[in-house]
Amino acid sequence: GNIYCKKDYYRLFGIKRCSRCHAAISSSELVMRARDHVFHVPCFTCVTCNVALTKGDHFGMQENAVFCRLHYEMAMSTSVAATSPGPALPGGFPVYPPPATDFGALPHEGVGKVHFYNGVRTGQKGRPRKRKPKDLESMTANLDLNADYLDTFGAPGPSPTLPGLNGQQRTKRMRTSFKHHQLRTMKSYFAINHNPDAKDLKQLSQKTGLPKRVLQVWFQNA
């Protein structure tokens, strides 16, 4: 059998729990992923204003707390000049000058994941704008199909202490990104019909070149 440290054992084989409500996440649920944290979709909200964060939204993190872009920048501007822990934000969450490693969500690849990016590029024209934290520019909310948990706790299988991974290579995980013409086609159809059936999905798949499953997930969360 394989030997794992405690951290990796629970990461690979333990029950996944939402970093906000700490409830278990089933293998069939859609999740929002930020850095090493996983959230239920309804739980992925700003801890200050409780606004829901969706695909393409910029956000910031301090430890396992998620902030919308506005309140994250407010927290940053408040904490930059502070030499000690700053004042608490509404809701009682203290603002600390976070270390550089707390910024940015490193890509966590997964089978069947659908990655979203809002297409914002940094640039400057005319008068200089207030500088934002560099890593915040690239942080967007990712909506993930929780398929990469199926082999860890979603279905019965051999005990993790048995030799099940020896000599095996994990299947390469796919990543899907949307092009402008694909998004235009999907948004145009969404304005007419929020819940396409199998026939509609097939037609959209032919028009956009996207798998029907990807289209289905997009419409479910649009």
Protein backbone atom coordinates (compact mmCIF):
# COMPACT_ATOMS: atom_id res chain seq x y z
CA GLY A 1 0.00 0.00 0.00
CA ASN A 2 0.93 3.66 -0.30
CA ILE A 3 1.90 5.81 2.67
CA TYR A 4 0.61 9.40 2.94
CA CYS A 5 1.18 12.20 5.39
CA LYS A 6 -1.92 13.29 7.32
CA LYS A 7 -2.51 16.38 5.17
CA ASP A 8 -2.41 14.54 1.84
CA TYR A 9 -4.42 11.59 3.18
CA TYR A 10 -7.34 13.82 4.12
CA ARG A 11 -6.96 15.87 0.94
CA LEU A 12 -7.18 12.76 -1.27
CA PHE A 13 -9.49 10.48 0.66
CA GLY A 14 -11.31 12.56 3.26
CA ILE A 15 -14.82 13.92 2.91
CA LYS A 16 -14.69 17.34 1.26
CA ARG A 17 -16.30 20.12 3.27
CA CYS A 18 -17.33 23.64 2.35
CA SER A 19 -14.85 26.21 3.69
CA ARG A 20 -17.74 28.56 4.54
CA CYS A 21 -20.45 26.42 6.17
CA HIS A 22 -18.25 23.34 6.85
CA ALA A 23 -20.99 21.02 5.61
CA ALA A 24 -20.07 17.98 3.51
CA ILE A 25 -19.94 18.35 -0.28
CA SER A 26 -21.37 15.49 -2.30
CA SER A 27 -19.71 14.23 -5.45
CA SER A 28 -22.57 15.44 -7.67
CA GLU A 29 -22.57 19.04 -6.45
CA LEU A 30 -21.20 22.01 -8.33
CA VAL A 31 -18.59 23.87 -6.35
CA MET A 32 -16.69 27.15 -6.38
CA ARG A 33 -12.96 26.70 -5.93
CA ALA A 34 -10.52 29.35 -4.68
CA ARG A 35 -6.90 28.44 -3.97
CA ASP A 36 -7.04 25.29 -1.82
CA HIS A 37 -10.58 25.98 -0.62
CA VAL A 38 -13.84 24.57 -1.95
CA PHE A 39 -17.26 26.16 -1.41
CA HIS A 40 -20.88 25.34 -2.13
CA VAL A 41 -22.05 27.70 -4.88
CA PRO A 42 -24.52 29.51 -2.53
CA CYS A 43 -21.77 29.83 0.12
CA PHE A 44 -19.33 31.59 -2.21
CA THR A 45 -20.22 35.10 -1.06
CA CYS A 46 -18.39 38.16 0.25
CA VAL A 47 -18.01 37.94 4.04
CA THR A 48 -18.64 41.69 4.33
CA CYS A 49 -21.67 42.41 2.12
CA ASN A 50 -22.78 38.81 1.45
CA VAL A 51 -23.05 39.47 -2.28
CA ALA A 52 -22.95 36.26 -4.34
CA LEU A 53 -19.81 35.84 -6.43
CA THR A 54 -20.26 34.14 -9.77
CA LYS A 55 -18.14 33.11 -12.73
CA GLY A 56 -15.93 35.90 -13.99
CA ASP A 57 -16.17 37.99 -10.80
CA HIS A 58 -12.95 39.28 -9.29
CA PHE A 59 -12.46 38.50 -5.63
CA GLY A 60 -9.83 38.51 -2.90
CA MET A 61 -9.08 36.17 -0.01
CA GLN A 62 -7.67 36.40 3.49
CA GLU A 63 -7.17 32.93 4.90
CA ASN A 64 -10.45 31.16 4.01
CA ALA A 65 -12.57 34.33 3.91
CA VAL A 66 -13.74 35.57 0.51
CA PHE A 67 -14.24 39.26 -0.33
CA CYS A 68 -15.83 40.91 -3.34
CA ARG A 69 -13.48 43.14 -5.28
CA LEU A 70 -14.76 46.36 -3.67
CA HIS A 71 -14.37 45.23 -0.07
CA TYR A 72 -11.09 43.48 -0.75
CA GLU A 73 -9.59 46.71 -2.12
CA MET A 74 -11.05 48.62 0.84
CA ALA A 75 -9.42 46.14 3.20
CA MET A 76 -6.12 46.44 1.35
CA SER A 77 -6.12 50.25 1.38
CA THR A 78 -6.94 50.22 5.09
CA SER A 79 -4.28 47.69 6.00
CA VAL A 80 -1.38 48.98 3.87
CA ALA A 81 -0.68 51.92 6.19
CA ALA A 82 -1.27 49.95 9.37
CA THR A 83 1.64 48.71 11.44
CA SER A 84 -0.59 46.41 13.50
CA PRO A 85 -3.79 44.48 12.81
CA GLY A 86 -6.29 46.98 11.45
CA PRO A 87 -9.91 47.67 12.36
CA ALA A 88 -12.54 45.02 11.92
CA LEU A 89 -14.74 45.11 8.86
CA PRO A 90 -18.54 44.89 9.32
CA GLY A 91 -19.27 41.41 10.46
CA GLY A 92 -16.33 41.30 12.85
CA PHE A 93 -13.67 40.09 10.39
CA PRO A 94 -10.32 41.75 11.22
CA VAL A 95 -8.16 43.11 8.43
CA TYR A 96 -4.55 41.95 8.46
CA PRO A 97 -1.91 42.89 5.91
CA PRO A 98 -1.92 39.55 4.09
CA PRO A 99 1.29 37.92 2.88
CA ALA A 100 1.94 37.69 -0.83
CA THR A 101 1.14 33.99 -0.83
CA ASP A 102 -2.45 34.79 0.20
CA PHE A 103 -3.15 36.42 -3.15
CA GLY A 104 -4.26 34.66 -6.27
CA ALA A 105 -5.96 31.34 -6.84
CA LEU A 106 -3.51 28.85 -8.24
CA PRO A 107 -5.11 26.76 -11.00
CA HIS A 108 -6.51 23.53 -9.62
CA GLU A 109 -7.21 21.28 -12.57
CA GLY A 110 -10.09 18.84 -12.48
CA VAL A 111 -11.92 16.44 -14.76
CA GLY A 112 -14.83 18.12 -16.45
CA LYS A 113 -14.01 21.55 -15.07
CA VAL A 114 -15.42 24.60 -16.77
CA HIS A 115 -13.16 27.62 -16.36
CA PHE A 116 -14.53 31.10 -16.72
CA TYR A 117 -12.68 34.36 -17.18
CA ASN A 118 -14.29 37.74 -17.65
CA GLY A 119 -11.81 38.87 -20.28
CA VAL A 120 -10.63 41.97 -18.41
CA ARG A 121 -7.12 42.97 -19.39
CA THR A 122 -5.03 45.39 -17.43
CA GLY A 123 -3.99 48.51 -19.24
CA GLN A 124 -3.81 52.25 -18.89
CA LYS A 125 -5.05 55.07 -21.10
CA GLY A 126 -5.31 58.74 -20.26
CA ARG A 127 -4.98 59.58 -16.60
CA PRO A 128 -3.29 56.97 -14.40
CA ARG A 129 -5.73 54.95 -12.35
CA LYS A 130 -5.34 53.87 -8.76
CA ARG A 131 -3.07 50.87 -8.71
CA LYS A 132 -4.71 47.62 -7.70
CA PRO A 133 -2.99 44.61 -6.15
CA LYS A 134 -1.38 42.81 -9.06
CA ASP A 135 -2.73 39.39 -8.23
CA LEU A 136 -6.29 40.64 -7.87
CA GLU A 137 -6.32 41.40 -11.59
CA SER A 138 -6.08 37.71 -12.44
CA MET A 139 -8.36 36.30 -9.76
CA THR A 140 -11.75 35.22 -11.08
CA ALA A 141 -14.36 32.95 -9.63
CA ASN A 142 -14.20 29.44 -11.04
CA LEU A 143 -17.26 27.23 -11.32
CA ASP A 144 -16.21 23.60 -11.15
CA LEU A 145 -18.07 20.40 -11.86
CA ASN A 146 -17.15 18.34 -8.84
CA ALA A 147 -16.11 15.33 -10.92
CA ASP A 148 -12.58 15.13 -9.57
CA TYR A 149 -14.04 14.03 -6.22
CA LEU A 150 -15.81 10.99 -7.66
CA ASP A 151 -12.79 8.75 -7.31
CA THR A 152 -12.04 9.90 -3.78
CA PHE A 153 -15.30 9.77 -1.87
CA GLY A 154 -18.25 9.89 -4.24
CA ALA A 155 -18.37 6.21 -5.14
CA PRO A 156 -17.48 2.98 -3.30
CA GLY A 157 -14.05 1.64 -4.05
CA PRO A 158 -11.05 -0.04 -2.47
CA SER A 159 -9.70 1.28 0.78
CA PRO A 160 -7.13 4.06 0.26
CA THR A 161 -4.62 1.99 2.21
CA LEU A 162 -4.76 -0.76 -0.43
CA PRO A 163 -2.46 -0.57 -3.44
CA GLY A 164 -4.76 1.20 -5.87
CA LEU A 165 -2.59 4.00 -7.17
CA ASN A 166 0.63 2.08 -7.68
CA GLY A 167 1.74 2.14 -11.31
CA GLN A 168 -1.31 4.04 -12.45
CA GLN A 169 -1.33 7.42 -14.12
CA ARG A 170 -4.23 9.72 -13.44
CA THR A 171 -6.26 10.62 -16.50
CA LYS A 172 -5.26 13.96 -17.93
CA ARG A 173 -7.79 16.53 -16.84
CA MET A 174 -9.57 18.65 -19.40
CA ARG A 175 -10.03 22.40 -19.33
CA THR A 176 -12.68 24.25 -21.31
CA SER A 177 -12.62 27.97 -22.07
CA PHE A 178 -15.26 29.92 -23.93
CA LYS A 179 -14.57 32.03 -26.99
CA HIS A 180 -16.41 35.26 -27.72
CA HIS A 181 -18.61 33.84 -30.47
CA GLN A 182 -19.54 30.87 -28.27
CA LEU A 183 -20.60 33.16 -25.42
CA ARG A 184 -22.60 35.35 -27.80
CA THR A 185 -24.46 32.32 -29.14
CA MET A 186 -25.22 30.96 -25.66
CA LYS A 187 -26.32 34.34 -24.28
CA SER A 188 -28.57 34.96 -27.29
CA TYR A 189 -30.30 31.62 -26.76
CA PHE A 190 -30.48 32.14 -22.99
CA ALA A 191 -32.48 35.34 -23.58
CA ILE A 192 -35.10 33.20 -25.36
CA ASN A 193 -35.03 29.96 -23.38
CA HIS A 194 -33.46 29.52 -19.92
CA ASN A 195 -33.88 25.73 -19.91
CA PRO A 196 -32.98 24.10 -23.24
CA ASP A 197 -33.89 20.46 -23.79
CA ALA A 198 -31.69 17.74 -25.27
CA LYS A 199 -32.60 18.71 -28.84
CA ASP A 200 -31.77 22.35 -28.21
CA LEU A 201 -28.47 21.44 -26.56
CA LYS A 202 -27.57 19.30 -29.56
CA GLN A 203 -28.18 22.21 -31.92
CA LEU A 204 -26.20 24.59 -29.71
CA SER A 205 -23.40 22.05 -29.52
CA GLN A 206 -23.22 21.98 -33.32
CA LYS A 207 -23.21 25.77 -33.52
CA THR A 208 -20.64 26.40 -30.79
CA GLY A 209 -18.52 23.26 -31.00
CA LEU A 210 -18.92 22.75 -27.24
CA PRO A 211 -19.96 19.45 -25.58
CA LYS A 212 -23.61 19.24 -24.53
CA ARG A 213 -22.59 18.62 -20.90
CA VAL A 214 -20.61 21.88 -20.82
CA LEU A 215 -23.58 23.74 -22.30
CA GLN A 216 -25.94 22.14 -19.78
CA VAL A 217 -23.78 23.25 -16.83
CA TRP A 218 -23.54 26.78 -18.24
CA PHE A 219 -27.33 27.11 -18.59
CA GLN A 220 -27.90 25.68 -15.11
CA ASN A 221 -25.72 28.37 -13.58
CA ALA A 222 -26.34 31.29 -15.92
